[in-house]
PDB file of N, CA and C in Angstrom:
ATOM      1  N   MET A   1     105.574  59.347  82.458  1.00  0.00           N
ATOM      2  CA  MET A   1     105.595  60.082  81.199  1.00  0.00           C
ATOM      3  C   MET A   1     104.851  61.410  81.380  1.00  0.00           C
ATOM      4  N   PRO A   2     105.448  62.528  80.949  1.00  0.00           N
ATOM      5  CA  PRO A   2     104.808  63.839  81.104  1.00  0.00           C
ATOM      6  C   PRO A   2     103.522  63.929  80.289  1.00  0.00           C
ATOM      7  N   THR A   3     102.577  64.686  80.796  1.00  0.00           N
ATOM      8  CA  THR A   3     101.325  64.931  80.087  1.00  0.00           C
ATOM      9  C   THR A   3     101.347  66.343  79.523  1.00  0.00           C
ATOM     10  N   ASP A   4     100.354  66.668  78.692  1.00  0.00           N
ATOM     11  CA  ASP A   4     100.268  68.026  78.142  1.00  0.00           C
ATOM     12  C   ASP A   4     100.153  69.061  79.247  1.00  0.00           C
ATOM     13  N   GLY A   5      99.502  68.697  80.349  1.00  0.00           N
ATOM     14  CA  GLY A   5      99.361  69.616  81.476  1.00  0.00           C
ATOM     15  C   GLY A   5     100.668  69.927  82.166  1.00  0.00           C
ATOM     16  N   ASP A   6     101.690  69.062  81.954  1.00  0.00           N
ATOM     17  CA  ASP A   6     103.010  69.287  82.544  1.00  0.00           C
ATOM     18  C   ASP A   6     103.876  70.230  81.710  1.00  0.00           C
ATOM     19  N   GLN A   7     103.441  70.599  80.496  1.00  0.00           N
ATOM     20  CA  GLN A   7     104.219  71.502  79.645  1.00  0.00           C
ATOM     21  C   GLN A   7     104.498  72.783  80.419  1.00  0.00           C
ATOM     22  N   VAL A   8     105.776  73.118  80.573  1.00  0.00           N
ATOM     23  CA  VAL A   8     106.139  74.321  81.322  1.00  0.00           C
ATOM     24  C   VAL A   8     105.938  75.547  80.442  1.00  0.00           C
ATOM     25  N   LEU A   9     105.351  76.573  81.036  1.00  0.00           N
ATOM     26  CA  LEU A   9     105.091  77.840  80.358  1.00  0.00           C
ATOM     27  C   LEU A   9     105.830  78.964  81.065  1.00  0.00           C
ATOM     28  N   LEU A  10     106.261  79.936  80.296  1.00  0.00           N
ATOM     29  CA  LEU A  10     106.743  81.201  80.831  1.00  0.00           C
ATOM     30  C   LEU A  10     105.643  82.213  80.553  1.00  0.00           C
ATOM     31  N   VAL A  11     105.043  82.737  81.604  1.00  0.00           N
ATOM     32  CA  VAL A  11     103.954  83.703  81.461  1.00  0.00           C
ATOM     33  C   VAL A  11     104.524  85.089  81.735  1.00  0.00           C
ATOM     34  N   LEU A  12     104.280  86.000  80.815  1.00  0.00           N
ATOM     35  CA  LEU A  12     104.748  87.379  80.934  1.00  0.00           C
ATOM     36  C   LEU A  12     103.578  88.264  81.325  1.00  0.00           C
ATOM     37  N   SER A  13     103.820  89.134  82.283  1.00  0.00           N
ATOM     38  CA  SER A  13     102.810  90.104  82.681  1.00  0.00           C
ATOM     39  C   SER A  13     103.525  91.333  83.230  1.00  0.00           C
ATOM     40  N   THR A  14     102.767  92.379  83.469  1.00  0.00           N
ATOM     41  CA  THR A  14     103.308  93.590  84.086  1.00  0.00           C
ATOM     42  C   THR A  14     102.317  94.079  85.130  1.00  0.00           C
ATOM     43  N   MET A  15     102.834  94.840  86.072  1.00  0.00           N
ATOM     44  CA  MET A  15     102.008  95.508  87.082  1.00  0.00           C
ATOM     45  C   MET A  15     102.458  96.969  87.130  1.00  0.00           C
ATOM     46  N   PRO A  16     101.605  97.861  87.631  1.00  0.00           N
ATOM     47  CA  PRO A  16     101.975  99.274  87.652  1.00  0.00           C
ATOM     48  C   PRO A  16     102.970  99.646  88.745  1.00  0.00           C
ATOM     49  N   ASP A  17     103.148  98.789  89.769  1.00  0.00           N
ATOM     50  CA  ASP A  17     104.075  99.142  90.853  1.00  0.00           C
ATOM     51  C   ASP A  17     104.657  97.887  91.498  1.00  0.00           C
ATOM     52  N   GLN A  18     105.782  98.068  92.217  1.00  0.00           N
ATOM     53  CA  GLN A  18     106.489  96.957  92.861  1.00  0.00           C
ATOM     54  C   GLN A  18     105.625  96.268  93.911  1.00  0.00           C
ATOM     55  N   ALA A  19     104.930  97.033  94.735  1.00  0.00           N
ATOM     56  CA  ALA A  19     104.128  96.438  95.807  1.00  0.00           C
ATOM     57  C   ALA A  19     103.060  95.508  95.232  1.00  0.00           C
ATOM     58  N   GLY A  20     102.380  95.948  94.212  1.00  0.00           N
ATOM     59  CA  GLY A  20     101.356  95.118  93.583  1.00  0.00           C
ATOM     60  C   GLY A  20     101.940  93.884  92.920  1.00  0.00           C
ATOM     61  N   ALA A  21     103.100  94.053  92.288  1.00  0.00           N
ATOM     62  CA  ALA A  21     103.761  92.920  91.635  1.00  0.00           C
ATOM     63  C   ALA A  21     104.189  91.878  92.660  1.00  0.00           C
ATOM     64  N   ARG A  22     104.770  92.325  93.762  1.00  0.00           N
ATOM     65  CA  ARG A  22     105.208  91.391  94.809  1.00  0.00           C
ATOM     66  C   ARG A  22     104.015  90.685  95.454  1.00  0.00           C
ATOM     67  N   LYS A  23     102.934  91.410  95.664  1.00  0.00           N
ATOM     68  CA  LYS A  23     101.731  90.812  96.257  1.00  0.00           C
ATOM     69  C   LYS A  23     101.164  89.733  95.333  1.00  0.00           C
ATOM     70  N   LEU A  24     101.075  90.042  94.045  1.00  0.00           N
ATOM     71  CA  LEU A  24     100.566  89.071  93.079  1.00  0.00           C
ATOM     72  C   LEU A  24     101.513  87.878  92.972  1.00  0.00           C
ATOM     73  N   ALA A  25     102.811  88.129  92.979  1.00  0.00           N
ATOM     74  CA  ALA A  25     103.796  87.042  92.909  1.00  0.00           C
ATOM     75  C   ALA A  25     103.625  86.078  94.081  1.00  0.00           C
ATOM     76  N   ARG A  26     103.464  86.616  95.277  1.00  0.00           N
ATOM     77  CA  ARG A  26     103.265  85.758  96.465  1.00  0.00           C
ATOM     78  C   ARG A  26     101.969  84.968  96.357  1.00  0.00           C
ATOM     79  N   LEU A  27     100.901  85.613  95.919  1.00  0.00           N
ATOM     80  CA  LEU A  27      99.614  84.941  95.774  1.00  0.00           C
ATOM     81  C   LEU A  27      99.728  83.764  94.804  1.00  0.00           C
ATOM     82  N   LEU A  28     100.343  83.991  93.660  1.00  0.00           N
ATOM     83  CA  LEU A  28     100.482  82.933  92.657  1.00  0.00           C
ATOM     84  C   LEU A  28     101.350  81.792  93.164  1.00  0.00           C
ATOM     85  N   THR A  29     102.423  82.131  93.870  1.00  0.00           N
ATOM     86  CA  THR A  29     103.343  81.109  94.364  1.00  0.00           C
ATOM     87  C   THR A  29     102.735  80.345  95.537  1.00  0.00           C
ATOM     88  N   GLU A  30     102.140  81.052  96.479  1.00  0.00           N
ATOM     89  CA  GLU A  30     101.541  80.389  97.643  1.00  0.00           C
ATOM     90  C   GLU A  30     100.390  79.466  97.251  1.00  0.00           C
ATOM     91  N   SER A  31      99.675  79.806  96.199  1.00  0.00           N
ATOM     92  CA  SER A  31      98.553  78.976  95.751  1.00  0.00           C
ATOM     93  C   SER A  31      98.989  77.899  94.756  1.00  0.00           C
ATOM     94  N   ARG A  32     100.284  77.760  94.533  1.00  0.00           N
ATOM     95  CA  ARG A  32     100.882  76.751  93.653  1.00  0.00           C
ATOM     96  C   ARG A  32     100.477  76.927  92.188  1.00  0.00           C
ATOM     97  N   LEU A  33     100.045  78.127  91.823  1.00  0.00           N
ATOM     98  CA  LEU A  33      99.776  78.417  90.419  1.00  0.00           C
ATOM     99  C   LEU A  33     101.067  78.737  89.688  1.00  0.00           C
ATOM    100  N   ALA A  34     102.095  79.108  90.422  1.00  0.00           N
ATOM    101  CA  ALA A  34     103.420  79.374  89.863  1.00  0.00           C
ATOM    102  C   ALA A  34     104.458  78.738  90.771  1.00  0.00           C
ATOM    103  N   ALA A  35     105.504  78.199  90.160  1.00  0.00           N
ATOM    104  CA  ALA A  35     106.628  77.669  90.941  1.00  0.00           C
ATOM    105  C   ALA A  35     107.555  78.804  91.340  1.00  0.00           C
ATOM    106  N   CYS A  36     107.640  79.811  90.489  1.00  0.00           N
ATOM    107  CA  CYS A  36     108.553  80.934  90.712  1.00  0.00           C
ATOM    108  C   CYS A  36     108.042  82.132  89.927  1.00  0.00           C
ATOM    109  N   VAL A  37     108.175  83.305  90.515  1.00  0.00           N
ATOM    110  CA  VAL A  37     107.852  84.548  89.813  1.00  0.00           C
ATOM    111  C   VAL A  37     109.024  85.499  90.006  1.00  0.00           C
ATOM    112  N   ASN A  38     109.598  85.954  88.905  1.00  0.00           N
ATOM    113  CA  ASN A  38     110.628  86.985  88.967  1.00  0.00           C
ATOM    114  C   ASN A  38     109.948  88.334  88.813  1.00  0.00           C
ATOM    115  N   VAL A  39     110.110  89.193  89.804  1.00  0.00           N
ATOM    116  CA  VAL A  39     109.612  90.563  89.742  1.00  0.00           C
ATOM    117  C   VAL A  39     110.819  91.413  89.357  1.00  0.00           C
ATOM    118  N   LEU A  40     110.773  91.980  88.174  1.00  0.00           N
ATOM    119  CA  LEU A  40     111.928  92.677  87.616  1.00  0.00           C
ATOM    120  C   LEU A  40     111.919  94.164  87.952  1.00  0.00           C
ATOM    121  N   SER A  41     112.988  94.823  87.545  1.00  0.00           N
ATOM    122  CA  SER A  41     113.113  96.273  87.737  1.00  0.00           C
ATOM    123  C   SER A  41     112.120  97.003  86.841  1.00  0.00           C
ATOM    124  N   PRO A  42     111.742  98.209  87.229  1.00  0.00           N
ATOM    125  CA  PRO A  42     110.802  98.974  86.404  1.00  0.00           C
ATOM    126  C   PRO A  42     111.320  99.173  84.983  1.00  0.00           C
ATOM    127  N   CYS A  43     110.393  99.226  84.051  1.00  0.00           N
ATOM    128  CA  CYS A  43     110.719  99.493  82.651  1.00  0.00           C
ATOM    129  C   CYS A  43     109.729 100.528  82.116  1.00  0.00           C
ATOM    130  N   GLN A  44     110.064 101.096  81.001  1.00  0.00           N
ATOM    131  CA  GLN A  44     109.174 102.039  80.326  1.00  0.00           C
ATOM    132  C   GLN A  44     108.446 101.299  79.220  1.00  0.00           C
ATOM    133  N   SER A  45     107.138 101.362  79.226  1.00  0.00           N
ATOM    134  CA  SER A  45     106.319 100.743  78.187  1.00  0.00           C
ATOM    135  C   SER A  45     105.714 101.835  77.317  1.00  0.00           C
ATOM    136  N   VAL A  46     105.766 101.621  76.017  1.00  0.00           N
ATOM    137  CA  VAL A  46     105.143 102.508  75.037  1.00  0.00           C
ATOM    138  C   VAL A  46     104.143 101.644  74.274  1.00  0.00           C
ATOM    139  N   TYR A  47     102.876 102.055  74.252  1.00  0.00           N
ATOM    140  CA  TYR A  47     101.841 101.208  73.676  1.00  0.00           C
ATOM    141  C   TYR A  47     100.690 102.065  73.158  1.00  0.00           C
ATOM    142  N   ARG A  48      99.886 101.463  72.290  1.00  0.00           N
ATOM    143  CA  ARG A  48      98.684 102.134  71.797  1.00  0.00           C
ATOM    144  C   ARG A  48      97.517 101.730  72.679  1.00  0.00           C
ATOM    145  N   TRP A  49      96.719 102.693  73.098  1.00  0.00           N
ATOM    146  CA  TRP A  49      95.538 102.418  73.910  1.00  0.00           C
ATOM    147  C   TRP A  49      94.452 103.400  73.531  1.00  0.00           C
ATOM    148  N   ARG A  50      93.359 102.865  73.017  1.00  0.00           N
ATOM    149  CA  ARG A  50      92.201 103.672  72.638  1.00  0.00           C
ATOM    150  C   ARG A  50      92.563 104.820  71.702  1.00  0.00           C
ATOM    151  N   GLY A  51      93.357 104.489  70.692  1.00  0.00           N
ATOM    152  CA  GLY A  51      93.689 105.438  69.649  1.00  0.00           C
ATOM    153  C   GLY A  51      94.829 106.387  69.940  1.00  0.00           C
ATOM    154  N   ALA A  52      95.430 106.297  71.108  1.00  0.00           N
ATOM    155  CA  ALA A  52      96.531 107.198  71.466  1.00  0.00           C
ATOM    156  C   ALA A  52      97.763 106.384  71.854  1.00  0.00           C
ATOM    157  N   VAL A  53      98.917 106.974  71.631  1.00  0.00           N
ATOM    158  CA  VAL A  53     100.162 106.355  72.078  1.00  0.00           C
ATOM    159  C   VAL A  53     100.406 106.793  73.515  1.00  0.00           C
ATOM    160  N   GLU A  54     100.557 105.826  74.389  1.00  0.00           N
ATOM    161  CA  GLU A  54     100.740 106.064  75.823  1.00  0.00           C
ATOM    162  C   GLU A  54     102.122 105.596  76.258  1.00  0.00           C
ATOM    163  N   GLU A  55     102.589 106.136  77.375  1.00  0.00           N
ATOM    164  CA  GLU A  55     103.834 105.694  77.999  1.00  0.00           C
ATOM    165  C   GLU A  55     103.587 105.561  79.492  1.00  0.00           C
ATOM    166  N   SER A  56     104.156 104.504  80.076  1.00  0.00           N
ATOM    167  CA  SER A  56     104.041 104.339  81.521  1.00  0.00           C
ATOM    168  C   SER A  56     105.195 103.496  82.040  1.00  0.00           C
ATOM    169  N   THR A  57     105.456 103.648  83.316  1.00  0.00           N
ATOM    170  CA  THR A  57     106.431 102.807  83.995  1.00  0.00           C
ATOM    171  C   THR A  57     105.696 101.579  84.502  1.00  0.00           C
ATOM    172  N   GLU A  58     106.249 100.403  84.219  1.00  0.00           N
ATOM    173  CA  GLU A  58     105.624  99.156  84.644  1.00  0.00           C
ATOM    174  C   GLU A  58     106.672  98.226  85.241  1.00  0.00           C
ATOM    175  N   ILE A  59     106.188  97.237  85.980  1.00  0.00           N
ATOM    176  CA  ILE A  59     107.040  96.230  86.595  1.00  0.00           C
ATOM    177  C   ILE A  59     106.814  94.915  85.850  1.00  0.00           C
ATOM    178  N   PRO A  60     107.808  94.442  85.089  1.00  0.00           N
ATOM    179  CA  PRO A  60     107.653  93.162  84.394  1.00  0.00           C
ATOM    180  C   PRO A  60     107.706  91.992  85.372  1.00  0.00           C
ATOM    181  N   MET A  61     106.952  90.960  85.045  1.00  0.00           N
ATOM    182  CA  MET A  61     106.928  89.736  85.846  1.00  0.00           C
ATOM    183  C   MET A  61     107.126  88.538  84.920  1.00  0.00           C
ATOM    184  N   LEU A  62     108.022  87.635  85.323  1.00  0.00           N
ATOM    185  CA  LEU A  62     108.246  86.378  84.611  1.00  0.00           C
ATOM    186  C   LEU A  62     107.709  85.266  85.505  1.00  0.00           C
ATOM    187  N   ILE A  63     106.661  84.609  85.058  1.00  0.00           N
ATOM    188  CA  ILE A  63     105.948  83.627  85.876  1.00  0.00           C
ATOM    189  C   ILE A  63     106.156  82.241  85.272  1.00  0.00           C
ATOM    190  N   LYS A  64     106.676  81.303  86.084  1.00  0.00           N
ATOM    191  CA  LYS A  64     106.886  79.939  85.615  1.00  0.00           C
ATOM    192  C   LYS A  64     105.771  79.046  86.148  1.00  0.00           C
ATOM    193  N   THR A  65     105.063  78.385  85.221  1.00  0.00           N
ATOM    194  CA  THR A  65     103.930  77.531  85.572  1.00  0.00           C
ATOM    195  C   THR A  65     103.836  76.402  84.565  1.00  0.00           C
ATOM    196  N   THR A  66     102.725  75.668  84.606  1.00  0.00           N
ATOM    197  CA  THR A  66     102.487  74.604  83.633  1.00  0.00           C
ATOM    198  C   THR A  66     101.180  74.865  82.899  1.00  0.00           C
ATOM    199  N   ALA A  67     101.038  74.202  81.759  1.00  0.00           N
ATOM    200  CA  ALA A  67      99.824  74.362  80.957  1.00  0.00           C
ATOM    201  C   ALA A  67      98.585  73.964  81.754  1.00  0.00           C
ATOM    202  N   GLY A  68      98.729  72.972  82.609  1.00  0.00           N
ATOM    203  CA  GLY A  68      97.601  72.524  83.415  1.00  0.00           C
ATOM    204  C   GLY A  68      97.130  73.540  84.442  1.00  0.00           C
ATOM    205  N   ARG A  69      97.978  74.483  84.811  1.00  0.00           N
ATOM    206  CA  ARG A  69      97.631  75.510  85.806  1.00  0.00           C
ATOM    207  C   ARG A  69      97.323  76.863  85.160  1.00  0.00           C
ATOM    208  N   TYR A  70      97.514  76.961  83.829  1.00  0.00           N
ATOM    209  CA  TYR A  70      97.412  78.264  83.178  1.00  0.00           C
ATOM    210  C   TYR A  70      96.036  78.918  83.333  1.00  0.00           C
ATOM    211  N   ALA A  71      94.972  78.199  83.078  1.00  0.00           N
ATOM    212  CA  ALA A  71      93.633  78.821  83.101  1.00  0.00           C
ATOM    213  C   ALA A  71      93.342  79.451  84.460  1.00  0.00           C
ATOM    214  N   GLU A  72      93.660  78.737  85.535  1.00  0.00           N
ATOM    215  CA  GLU A  72      93.414  79.294  86.869  1.00  0.00           C
ATOM    216  C   GLU A  72      94.351  80.466  87.150  1.00  0.00           C
ATOM    217  N   LEU A  73      95.601  80.355  86.715  1.00  0.00           N
ATOM    218  CA  LEU A  73      96.556  81.453  86.889  1.00  0.00           C
ATOM    219  C   LEU A  73      96.041  82.711  86.186  1.00  0.00           C
ATOM    220  N   GLU A  74      95.596  82.558  84.943  1.00  0.00           N
ATOM    221  CA  GLU A  74      95.071  83.709  84.202  1.00  0.00           C
ATOM    222  C   GLU A  74      93.898  84.341  84.945  1.00  0.00           C
ATOM    223  N   SER A  75      93.012  83.522  85.457  1.00  0.00           N
ATOM    224  CA  SER A  75      91.849  84.019  86.191  1.00  0.00           C
ATOM    225  C   SER A  75      92.264  84.797  87.439  1.00  0.00           C
ATOM    226  N   VAL A  76      93.235  84.282  88.181  1.00  0.00           N
ATOM    227  CA  VAL A  76      93.701  84.957  89.398  1.00  0.00           C
ATOM    228  C   VAL A  76      94.407  86.265  89.050  1.00  0.00           C
ATOM    229  N   VAL A  77      95.218  86.269  87.998  1.00  0.00           N
ATOM    230  CA  VAL A  77      95.884  87.517  87.593  1.00  0.00           C
ATOM    231  C   VAL A  77      94.830  88.553  87.219  1.00  0.00           C
ATOM    232  N   ARG A  78      93.862  88.180  86.411  1.00  0.00           N
ATOM    233  CA  ARG A  78      92.813  89.132  86.005  1.00  0.00           C
ATOM    234  C   ARG A  78      92.054  89.677  87.208  1.00  0.00           C
ATOM    235  N   ALA A  79      91.732  88.810  88.158  1.00  0.00           N
ATOM    236  CA  ALA A  79      90.954  89.220  89.335  1.00  0.00           C
ATOM    237  C   ALA A  79      91.740  90.125  90.276  1.00  0.00           C
ATOM    238  N   ASN A  80      93.063  90.068  90.210  1.00  0.00           N
ATOM    239  CA  ASN A  80      93.904  90.835  91.135  1.00  0.00           C
ATOM    240  C   ASN A  80      94.717  91.915  90.439  1.00  0.00           C
ATOM    241  N   HIS A  81      94.346  92.245  89.223  1.00  0.00           N
ATOM    242  CA  HIS A  81      95.107  93.213  88.429  1.00  0.00           C
ATOM    243  C   HIS A  81      94.305  94.498  88.270  1.00  0.00           C
ATOM    244  N   PRO A  82      94.943  95.652  88.434  1.00  0.00           N
ATOM    245  CA  PRO A  82      94.198  96.906  88.329  1.00  0.00           C
ATOM    246  C   PRO A  82      93.896  97.345  86.895  1.00  0.00           C
ATOM    247  N   TYR A  83      94.580  96.769  85.902  1.00  0.00           N
ATOM    248  CA  TYR A  83      94.354  97.196  84.519  1.00  0.00           C
ATOM    249  C   TYR A  83      93.063  96.590  83.967  1.00  0.00           C
ATOM    250  N   GLU A  84      92.416  97.348  83.110  1.00  0.00           N
ATOM    251  CA  GLU A  84      91.236  96.856  82.404  1.00  0.00           C
ATOM    252  C   GLU A  84      91.597  95.678  81.497  1.00  0.00           C
ATOM    253  N   LEU A  85      92.751  95.757  80.855  1.00  0.00           N
ATOM    254  CA  LEU A  85      93.208  94.716  79.932  1.00  0.00           C
ATOM    255  C   LEU A  85      94.680  94.412  80.223  1.00  0.00           C
ATOM    256  N   PRO A  86      94.949  93.563  81.213  1.00  0.00           N
ATOM    257  CA  PRO A  86      96.339  93.284  81.571  1.00  0.00           C
ATOM    258  C   PRO A  86      97.044  92.421  80.524  1.00  0.00           C
ATOM    259  N   GLU A  87      98.342  92.620  80.421  1.00  0.00           N
ATOM    260  CA  GLU A  87      99.172  91.750  79.589  1.00  0.00           C
ATOM    261  C   GLU A  87      99.322  90.414  80.309  1.00  0.00           C
ATOM    262  N   ILE A  88      98.870  89.353  79.664  1.00  0.00           N
ATOM    263  CA  ILE A  88      99.063  87.990  80.161  1.00  0.00           C
ATOM    264  C   ILE A  88      99.371  87.152  78.925  1.00  0.00           C
ATOM    265  N   ILE A  89     100.645  86.823  78.742  1.00  0.00           N
ATOM    266  CA  ILE A  89     101.094  86.100  77.554  1.00  0.00           C
ATOM    267  C   ILE A  89     101.830  84.851  78.007  1.00  0.00           C
ATOM    268  N   ALA A  90     101.408  83.690  77.523  1.00  0.00           N
ATOM    269  CA  ALA A  90     102.057  82.427  77.888  1.00  0.00           C
ATOM    270  C   ALA A  90     102.872  81.908  76.710  1.00  0.00           C
ATOM    271  N   VAL A  91     104.129  81.578  76.985  1.00  0.00           N
ATOM    272  CA  VAL A  91     105.036  81.050  75.974  1.00  0.00           C
ATOM    273  C   VAL A  91     105.449  79.641  76.398  1.00  0.00           C
ATOM    274  N   PRO A  92     105.166  78.617  75.583  1.00  0.00           N
ATOM    275  CA  PRO A  92     105.614  77.273  75.940  1.00  0.00           C
ATOM    276  C   PRO A  92     107.130  77.175  75.787  1.00  0.00           C
ATOM    277  N   LEU A  93     107.762  76.473  76.719  1.00  0.00           N
ATOM    278  CA  LEU A  93     109.215  76.314  76.678  1.00  0.00           C
ATOM    279  C   LEU A  93     109.562  75.059  75.888  1.00  0.00           C
ATOM    280  N   ALA A  94     110.357  75.231  74.842  1.00  0.00           N
ATOM    281  CA  ALA A  94     110.764  74.105  74.005  1.00  0.00           C
ATOM    282  C   ALA A  94     111.849  73.280  74.677  1.00  0.00           C
ATOM    283  N   ARG A  95     112.707  73.933  75.440  1.00  0.00           N
ATOM    284  CA  ARG A  95     113.812  73.247  76.094  1.00  0.00           C
ATOM    285  C   ARG A  95     114.131  73.947  77.402  1.00  0.00           C
ATOM    286  N   GLY A  96     114.809  73.204  78.265  1.00  0.00           N
ATOM    287  CA  GLY A  96     115.277  73.751  79.528  1.00  0.00           C
ATOM    288  C   GLY A  96     115.974  72.659  80.314  1.00  0.00           C
ATOM    289  N   LEU A  97     116.656  73.041  81.354  1.00  0.00           N
ATOM    290  CA  LEU A  97     117.311  72.077  82.227  1.00  0.00           C
ATOM    291  C   LEU A  97     116.240  71.134  82.766  1.00  0.00           C
ATOM    292  N   SER A  98     116.376  69.845  82.502  1.00  0.00           N
ATOM    293  CA  SER A  98     115.304  68.900  82.834  1.00  0.00           C
ATOM    294  C   SER A  98     114.947  68.936  84.316  1.00  0.00           C
ATOM    295  N   GLY A  99     115.928  69.046  85.186  1.00  0.00           N
ATOM    296  CA  GLY A  99     115.640  69.110  86.613  1.00  0.00           C
ATOM    297  C   GLY A  99     114.818  70.331  86.978  1.00  0.00           C
ATOM    298  N   TYR A 100     115.107  71.464  86.346  1.00  0.00           N
ATOM    299  CA  TYR A 100     114.350  72.688  86.617  1.00  0.00           C
ATOM    300  C   TYR A 100     112.911  72.548  86.130  1.00  0.00           C
ATOM    301  N   LEU A 101     112.738  72.027  84.922  1.00  0.00           N
ATOM    302  CA  LEU A 101     111.392  71.858  84.378  1.00  0.00           C
ATOM    303  C   LEU A 101     110.581  70.886  85.229  1.00  0.00           C
ATOM    304  N   GLU A 102     111.215  69.830  85.718  1.00  0.00           N
ATOM    305  CA  GLU A 102     110.538  68.887  86.613  1.00  0.00           C
ATOM    306  C   GLU A 102     110.161  69.574  87.927  1.00  0.00           C
ATOM    307  N   TRP A 103     111.041  70.440  88.415  1.00  0.00           N
ATOM    308  CA  TRP A 103     110.759  71.188  89.644  1.00  0.00           C
ATOM    309  C   TRP A 103     109.526  72.076  89.457  1.00  0.00           C
ATOM    310  N   VAL A 104     109.461  72.796  88.329  1.00  0.00           N
ATOM    311  CA  VAL A 104     108.294  73.650  88.056  1.00  0.00           C
ATOM    312  C   VAL A 104     107.021  72.805  88.057  1.00  0.00           C
ATOM    313  N   ALA A 105     107.056  71.671  87.361  1.00  0.00           N
ATOM    314  CA  ALA A 105     105.877  70.800  87.297  1.00  0.00           C
ATOM    315  C   ALA A 105     105.500  70.294  88.692  1.00  0.00           C
ATOM    316  N   GLY A 106     106.486  69.925  89.488  1.00  0.00           N
ATOM    317  CA  GLY A 106     106.212  69.418  90.827  1.00  0.00           C
ATOM    318  C   GLY A 106     105.658  70.469  91.766  1.00  0.00           C
ATOM    319  N   GLU A 107     106.171  71.686  91.688  1.00  0.00           N
ATOM    320  CA  GLU A 107     105.731  72.753  92.590  1.00  0.00           C
ATOM    321  C   GLU A 107     104.361  73.308  92.234  1.00  0.00           C
ATOM    322  N   THR A 108     103.901  73.044  91.033  1.00  0.00           N
ATOM    323  CA  THR A 108     102.582  73.531  90.624  1.00  0.00           C
ATOM    324  C   THR A 108     101.553  72.403  90.559  1.00  0.00           C
ATOM    325  N   ALA A 109     101.944  71.215  90.986  1.00  0.00           N
ATOM    326  CA  ALA A 109     101.030  70.050  90.934  1.00  0.00           C
ATOM    327  C   ALA A 109      99.970  70.161  92.021  1.00  0.00           C
TER     328      ALA A 109
END
């Protein structure tokens, strides 16, 4: 029977460049904090920062993990991220292909 720690999460983050995103993706995957990380094409981000509207090119990352691995994953992302306040957002998955969700749980165990 699955536990709360097995709940699969989709974690969203961004990095300022492809090299940094790929390096972080490998670190998370090799350390079993993520089963898979999709490093996407660059996007334009528009956001408020310290009272001003800013724009920058960023690399989105889709990180698949479990609730039981989230705290350590967040810590590793923060420690390896150049931003003062990186985007790290975890979304619990309500549904998914059962075999895939089991694979994520197994690869991050």
